[in-house]
Amino acid sequence: SHLELGENMLSKEYLPHKNLKITP
């Protein structure tokens, strides 16, 4: 399984980092 989704999708180890968005 993949740890990737929360309040945002993870792109870095610093979890609050959220420069990238998920398209619909």
PDB file of all heavy atoms in Angstrom:
ATOM      1  N   SER A   1       0.854  -1.172   0.000  1.00  0.00           N
ATOM      2  CA  SER A   1       0.000   0.000   0.000  1.00  0.00           C
ATOM      3  C   SER A   1       0.897   1.231   0.000  1.00  0.00           C
ATOM      4  O   SER A   1       2.080   1.145   0.334  1.00  0.00           O
ATOM      5  CB  SER A   1      -0.928  -0.004   1.212  1.00  0.00           C
ATOM      6  OG  SER A   1      -1.846   1.066   1.156  1.00  0.00           O
ATOM      7  N   HIS A   2       0.336   2.383  -0.352  1.00  0.00           N
ATOM      8  CA  HIS A   2       1.119   3.588  -0.593  1.00  0.00           C
ATOM      9  C   HIS A   2       0.669   4.689   0.360  1.00  0.00           C
ATOM     10  O   HIS A   2      -0.499   5.065   0.365  1.00  0.00           O
ATOM     11  CB  HIS A   2       0.923   4.042  -2.052  1.00  0.00           C
ATOM     12  CG  HIS A   2       1.894   5.088  -2.504  1.00  0.00           C
ATOM     13  ND1 HIS A   2       1.801   5.675  -3.753  1.00  0.00           N
ATOM     14  CD2 HIS A   2       2.976   5.653  -1.912  1.00  0.00           C
ATOM     15  CE1 HIS A   2       2.783   6.546  -3.887  1.00  0.00           C
ATOM     16  NE2 HIS A   2       3.504   6.547  -2.786  1.00  0.00           N
ATOM     17  N   LEU A   3       1.587   5.195   1.182  1.00  0.00           N
ATOM     18  CA  LEU A   3       1.310   6.360   2.010  1.00  0.00           C
ATOM     19  C   LEU A   3       1.430   7.595   1.122  1.00  0.00           C
ATOM     20  O   LEU A   3       2.532   8.035   0.809  1.00  0.00           O
ATOM     21  CB  LEU A   3       2.302   6.442   3.178  1.00  0.00           C
ATOM     22  CG  LEU A   3       2.152   7.648   4.093  1.00  0.00           C
ATOM     23  CD1 LEU A   3       0.902   7.517   4.949  1.00  0.00           C
ATOM     24  CD2 LEU A   3       3.374   7.821   4.977  1.00  0.00           C
ATOM     25  N   GLU A   4       0.303   8.166   0.718  1.00  0.00           N
ATOM     26  CA  GLU A   4       0.373   9.295  -0.206  1.00  0.00           C
ATOM     27  C   GLU A   4      -0.731  10.327  -0.024  1.00  0.00           C
ATOM     28  O   GLU A   4      -0.592  11.462  -0.465  1.00  0.00           O
ATOM     29  CB  GLU A   4       0.339   8.794  -1.660  1.00  0.00           C
ATOM     30  CG  GLU A   4      -0.915   8.018  -2.029  1.00  0.00           C
ATOM     31  CD  GLU A   4      -0.924   7.558  -3.484  1.00  0.00           C
ATOM     32  OE1 GLU A   4      -0.180   8.122  -4.306  1.00  0.00           O
ATOM     33  OE2 GLU A   4      -1.684   6.623  -3.798  1.00  0.00           O
ATOM     34  N   LEU A   5      -1.844   9.960   0.623  1.00  0.00           N
ATOM     35  CA  LEU A   5      -3.004  10.846   0.667  1.00  0.00           C
ATOM     36  C   LEU A   5      -3.331  11.263   2.089  1.00  0.00           C
ATOM     37  O   LEU A   5      -3.352  10.452   3.003  1.00  0.00           O
ATOM     38  CB  LEU A   5      -4.223  10.147   0.055  1.00  0.00           C
ATOM     39  CG  LEU A   5      -4.108   9.784  -1.421  1.00  0.00           C
ATOM     40  CD1 LEU A   5      -5.275   8.903  -1.839  1.00  0.00           C
ATOM     41  CD2 LEU A   5      -4.055  11.046  -2.271  1.00  0.00           C
ATOM     42  N   GLY A   6      -3.575  12.549   2.260  1.00  0.00           N
ATOM     43  CA  GLY A   6      -4.020  13.107   3.528  1.00  0.00           C
ATOM     44  C   GLY A   6      -4.770  14.382   3.234  1.00  0.00           C
ATOM     45  O   GLY A   6      -5.646  14.423   2.361  1.00  0.00           O
ATOM     46  N   GLU A   7      -4.438  15.452   3.939  1.00  0.00           N
ATOM     47  CA  GLU A   7      -5.028  16.751   3.590  1.00  0.00           C
ATOM     48  C   GLU A   7      -4.530  17.215   2.223  1.00  0.00           C
ATOM     49  O   GLU A   7      -5.157  18.048   1.569  1.00  0.00           O
ATOM     50  CB  GLU A   7      -4.686  17.780   4.658  1.00  0.00           C
ATOM     51  CG  GLU A   7      -5.413  17.560   5.965  1.00  0.00           C
ATOM     52  CD  GLU A   7      -5.128  18.665   6.959  1.00  0.00           C
ATOM     53  OE1 GLU A   7      -3.972  18.751   7.414  1.00  0.00           O
ATOM     54  OE2 GLU A   7      -6.042  19.417   7.276  1.00  0.00           O
ATOM     55  N   ASN A   8      -3.403  16.696   1.830  1.00  0.00           N
ATOM     56  CA  ASN A   8      -2.869  16.925   0.493  1.00  0.00           C
ATOM     57  C   ASN A   8      -2.154  15.639   0.081  1.00  0.00           C
ATOM     58  O   ASN A   8      -1.979  14.733   0.881  1.00  0.00           O
ATOM     59  CB  ASN A   8      -1.896  18.110   0.471  1.00  0.00           C
ATOM     60  CG  ASN A   8      -0.846  18.021   1.572  1.00  0.00           C
ATOM     61  OD1 ASN A   8      -1.114  18.354   2.720  1.00  0.00           O
ATOM     62  ND2 ASN A   8       0.356  17.581   1.224  1.00  0.00           N
ATOM     63  N   MET A   9      -1.763  15.566  -1.185  1.00  0.00           N
ATOM     64  CA  MET A   9      -1.006  14.406  -1.646  1.00  0.00           C
ATOM     65  C   MET A   9       0.482  14.677  -1.432  1.00  0.00           C
ATOM     66  O   MET A   9       0.964  15.794  -1.657  1.00  0.00           O
ATOM     67  CB  MET A   9      -1.293  14.153  -3.126  1.00  0.00           C
ATOM     68  CG  MET A   9      -0.751  12.832  -3.619  1.00  0.00           C
ATOM     69  SD  MET A   9      -1.448  12.411  -5.232  1.00  0.00           S
ATOM     70  CE  MET A   9      -0.714  10.813  -5.474  1.00  0.00           C
ATOM     71  N   LEU A  10       1.204  13.647  -0.992  1.00  0.00           N
ATOM     72  CA  LEU A  10       2.590  13.845  -0.591  1.00  0.00           C
ATOM     73  C   LEU A  10       3.538  13.839  -1.786  1.00  0.00           C
ATOM     74  O   LEU A  10       3.507  12.930  -2.606  1.00  0.00           O
ATOM     75  CB  LEU A  10       3.014  12.749   0.392  1.00  0.00           C
ATOM     76  CG  LEU A  10       2.181  12.637   1.668  1.00  0.00           C
ATOM     77  CD1 LEU A  10       2.782  11.584   2.582  1.00  0.00           C
ATOM     78  CD2 LEU A  10       2.084  13.969   2.373  1.00  0.00           C
ATOM     79  N   SER A  11       4.385  14.869  -1.821  1.00  0.00           N
ATOM     80  CA  SER A  11       5.448  14.913  -2.819  1.00  0.00           C
ATOM     81  C   SER A  11       6.820  15.019  -2.170  1.00  0.00           C
ATOM     82  O   SER A  11       7.839  14.841  -2.839  1.00  0.00           O
ATOM     83  CB  SER A  11       5.249  16.099  -3.770  1.00  0.00           C
ATOM     84  OG  SER A  11       5.212  17.322  -3.036  1.00  0.00           O
ATOM     85  N   LYS A  12       6.858  15.307  -0.870  1.00  0.00           N
ATOM     86  CA  LYS A  12       8.118  15.404  -0.135  1.00  0.00           C
ATOM     87  C   LYS A  12       7.928  14.863   1.272  1.00  0.00           C
ATOM     88  O   LYS A  12       6.798  14.694   1.751  1.00  0.00           O
ATOM     89  CB  LYS A  12       8.615  16.852  -0.078  1.00  0.00           C
ATOM     90  CG  LYS A  12       9.111  17.400  -1.423  1.00  0.00           C
ATOM     91  CD  LYS A  12       9.714  18.780  -1.259  1.00  0.00           C
ATOM     92  CE  LYS A  12      10.151  19.364  -2.606  1.00  0.00           C
ATOM     93  NZ  LYS A  12      11.326  18.695  -3.173  1.00  0.00           N
ATOM     94  N   GLU A  13       9.057  14.614   1.940  1.00  0.00           N
ATOM     95  CA  GLU A  13       9.017  14.063   3.291  1.00  0.00           C
ATOM     96  C   GLU A  13       8.470  15.055   4.313  1.00  0.00           C
ATOM     97  O   GLU A  13       8.029  14.663   5.401  1.00  0.00           O
ATOM     98  CB  GLU A  13      10.407  13.580   3.716  1.00  0.00           C
ATOM     99  CG  GLU A  13      11.440  14.666   3.949  1.00  0.00           C
ATOM    100  CD  GLU A  13      12.125  15.156   2.682  1.00  0.00           C
ATOM    101  OE1 GLU A  13      11.585  14.966   1.568  1.00  0.00           O
ATOM    102  OE2 GLU A  13      13.222  15.721   2.804  1.00  0.00           O
ATOM    103  N   TYR A  14       8.518  16.353   3.998  1.00  0.00           N
ATOM    104  CA  TYR A  14       7.900  17.351   4.868  1.00  0.00           C
ATOM    105  C   TYR A  14       6.422  17.402   4.504  1.00  0.00           C
ATOM    106  O   TYR A  14       6.018  17.983   3.503  1.00  0.00           O
ATOM    107  CB  TYR A  14       8.565  18.712   4.678  1.00  0.00           C
ATOM    108  CG  TYR A  14       7.985  19.805   5.552  1.00  0.00           C
ATOM    109  CD1 TYR A  14       7.946  19.651   6.936  1.00  0.00           C
ATOM    110  CD2 TYR A  14       7.483  20.969   5.000  1.00  0.00           C
ATOM    111  CE1 TYR A  14       7.409  20.638   7.737  1.00  0.00           C
ATOM    112  CE2 TYR A  14       6.945  21.961   5.796  1.00  0.00           C
ATOM    113  CZ  TYR A  14       6.914  21.795   7.167  1.00  0.00           C
ATOM    114  OH  TYR A  14       6.377  22.768   7.969  1.00  0.00           O
ATOM    115  N   LEU A  15       5.594  16.746   5.324  1.00  0.00           N
ATOM    116  CA  LEU A  15       4.224  16.466   4.919  1.00  0.00           C
ATOM    117  C   LEU A  15       3.372  17.706   4.650  1.00  0.00           C
ATOM    118  O   LEU A  15       2.489  17.652   3.794  1.00  0.00           O
ATOM    119  CB  LEU A  15       3.549  15.558   5.953  1.00  0.00           C
ATOM    120  CG  LEU A  15       4.272  14.236   6.265  1.00  0.00           C
ATOM    121  CD1 LEU A  15       3.354  13.308   7.055  1.00  0.00           C
ATOM    122  CD2 LEU A  15       4.764  13.534   5.013  1.00  0.00           C
ATOM    123  N   PRO A  16       3.566  18.842   5.353  1.00  0.00           N
ATOM    124  CA  PRO A  16       2.746  20.015   5.016  1.00  0.00           C
ATOM    125  C   PRO A  16       3.059  20.634   3.647  1.00  0.00           C
ATOM    126  O   PRO A  16       2.307  21.495   3.175  1.00  0.00           O
ATOM    127  CB  PRO A  16       3.063  21.006   6.142  1.00  0.00           C
ATOM    128  CG  PRO A  16       3.553  20.159   7.270  1.00  0.00           C
ATOM    129  CD  PRO A  16       4.310  19.042   6.609  1.00  0.00           C
ATOM    130  N   HIS A  17       4.164  20.226   3.011  1.00  0.00           N
ATOM    131  CA  HIS A  17       4.509  20.760   1.688  1.00  0.00           C
ATOM    132  C   HIS A  17       3.410  20.401   0.682  1.00  0.00           C
ATOM    133  O   HIS A  17       3.044  19.238   0.544  1.00  0.00           O
ATOM    134  CB  HIS A  17       5.848  20.160   1.238  1.00  0.00           C
ATOM    135  CG  HIS A  17       6.285  20.603  -0.126  1.00  0.00           C
ATOM    136  ND1 HIS A  17       6.964  21.768  -0.350  1.00  0.00           N
ATOM    137  CD2 HIS A  17       6.122  20.030  -1.346  1.00  0.00           C
ATOM    138  CE1 HIS A  17       7.219  21.896  -1.640  1.00  0.00           C
ATOM    139  NE2 HIS A  17       6.719  20.852  -2.263  1.00  0.00           N
ATOM    140  N   LYS A  18       2.876  21.382  -0.005  1.00  0.00           N
ATOM    141  CA  LYS A  18       1.750  21.108  -0.909  1.00  0.00           C
ATOM    142  C   LYS A  18       1.742  22.022  -2.128  1.00  0.00           C
ATOM    143  O   LYS A  18       0.737  22.644  -2.454  1.00  0.00           O
ATOM    144  CB  LYS A  18       0.425  21.209  -0.154  1.00  0.00           C
ATOM    145  CG  LYS A  18       0.242  22.473   0.690  1.00  0.00           C
ATOM    146  CD  LYS A  18      -1.065  22.392   1.463  1.00  0.00           C
ATOM    147  CE  LYS A  18      -1.234  23.606   2.365  1.00  0.00           C
ATOM    148  NZ  LYS A  18      -2.480  23.533   3.160  1.00  0.00           N
ATOM    149  N   ASN A  19       2.873  22.074  -2.823  1.00  0.00           N
ATOM    150  CA  ASN A  19       2.939  22.873  -4.049  1.00  0.00           C
ATOM    151  C   ASN A  19       2.124  22.257  -5.180  1.00  0.00           C
ATOM    152  O   ASN A  19       1.614  22.970  -6.041  1.00  0.00           O
ATOM    153  CB  ASN A  19       4.390  23.042  -4.508  1.00  0.00           C
ATOM    154  CG  ASN A  19       5.093  24.176  -3.786  1.00  0.00           C
ATOM    155  OD1 ASN A  19       4.457  24.976  -3.110  1.00  0.00           O
ATOM    156  ND2 ASN A  19       6.406  24.250  -3.932  1.00  0.00           N
ATOM    157  N   LEU A  20       2.034  20.932  -5.214  1.00  0.00           N
ATOM    158  CA  LEU A  20       1.331  20.264  -6.310  1.00  0.00           C
ATOM    159  C   LEU A  20      -0.099  19.928  -5.905  1.00  0.00           C
ATOM    160  O   LEU A  20      -0.357  19.501  -4.787  1.00  0.00           O
ATOM    161  CB  LEU A  20       2.067  18.986  -6.724  1.00  0.00           C
ATOM    162  CG  LEU A  20       3.503  19.157  -7.223  1.00  0.00           C
ATOM    163  CD1 LEU A  20       4.069  17.810  -7.662  1.00  0.00           C
ATOM    164  CD2 LEU A  20       3.574  20.166  -8.371  1.00  0.00           C
ATOM    165  N   LYS A  21      -1.015  20.099  -6.846  1.00  0.00           N
ATOM    166  CA  LYS A  21      -2.426  19.814  -6.612  1.00  0.00           C
ATOM    167  C   LYS A  21      -2.845  18.575  -7.404  1.00  0.00           C
ATOM    168  O   LYS A  21      -2.225  18.205  -8.403  1.00  0.00           O
ATOM    169  CB  LYS A  21      -3.301  21.001  -7.049  1.00  0.00           C
ATOM    170  CG  LYS A  21      -2.891  22.344  -6.460  1.00  0.00           C
ATOM    171  CD  LYS A  21      -2.976  22.348  -4.938  1.00  0.00           C
ATOM    172  CE  LYS A  21      -2.594  23.708  -4.384  1.00  0.00           C
ATOM    173  NZ  LYS A  21      -2.514  23.704  -2.901  1.00  0.00           N
ATOM    174  N   ILE A  22      -3.916  17.939  -6.934  1.00  0.00           N
ATOM    175  CA  ILE A  22      -4.509  16.806  -7.642  1.00  0.00           C
ATOM    176  C   ILE A  22      -5.619  17.325  -8.546  1.00  0.00           C
ATOM    177  O   ILE A  22      -6.507  18.041  -8.088  1.00  0.00           O
ATOM    178  CB  ILE A  22      -5.095  15.786  -6.650  1.00  0.00           C
ATOM    179  CG1 ILE A  22      -4.004  15.255  -5.709  1.00  0.00           C
ATOM    180  CG2 ILE A  22      -5.739  14.617  -7.379  1.00  0.00           C
ATOM    181  CD1 ILE A  22      -4.539  14.332  -4.625  1.00  0.00           C
ATOM    182  N   THR A  23      -5.567  16.979  -9.815  1.00  0.00           N
ATOM    183  CA  THR A  23      -6.645  17.385 -10.724  1.00  0.00           C
ATOM    184  C   THR A  23      -7.904  16.564 -10.425  1.00  0.00           C
ATOM    185  O   THR A  23      -7.827  15.470  -9.849  1.00  0.00           O
ATOM    186  CB  THR A  23      -6.247  17.161 -12.186  1.00  0.00           C
ATOM    187  OG1 THR A  23      -6.056  15.751 -12.396  1.00  0.00           O
ATOM    188  CG2 THR A  23      -4.962  17.910 -12.526  1.00  0.00           C
ATOM    189  N   PRO A  24      -9.084  17.057 -10.798  1.00  0.00           N
ATOM    190  CA  PRO A  24     -10.306  16.263 -10.606  1.00  0.00           C
ATOM    191  C   PRO A  24     -10.221  14.900 -11.289  1.00  0.00           C
ATOM    192  O   PRO A  24     -10.729  13.904 -10.760  1.00  0.00           O
ATOM    193  CB  PRO A  24     -11.390  17.145 -11.228  1.00  0.00           C
ATOM    194  CG  PRO A  24     -10.868  18.544 -11.106  1.00  0.00           C
ATOM    195  CD  PRO A  24      -9.387  18.415 -11.300  1.00  0.00           C
TER     196      PRO A  24
END
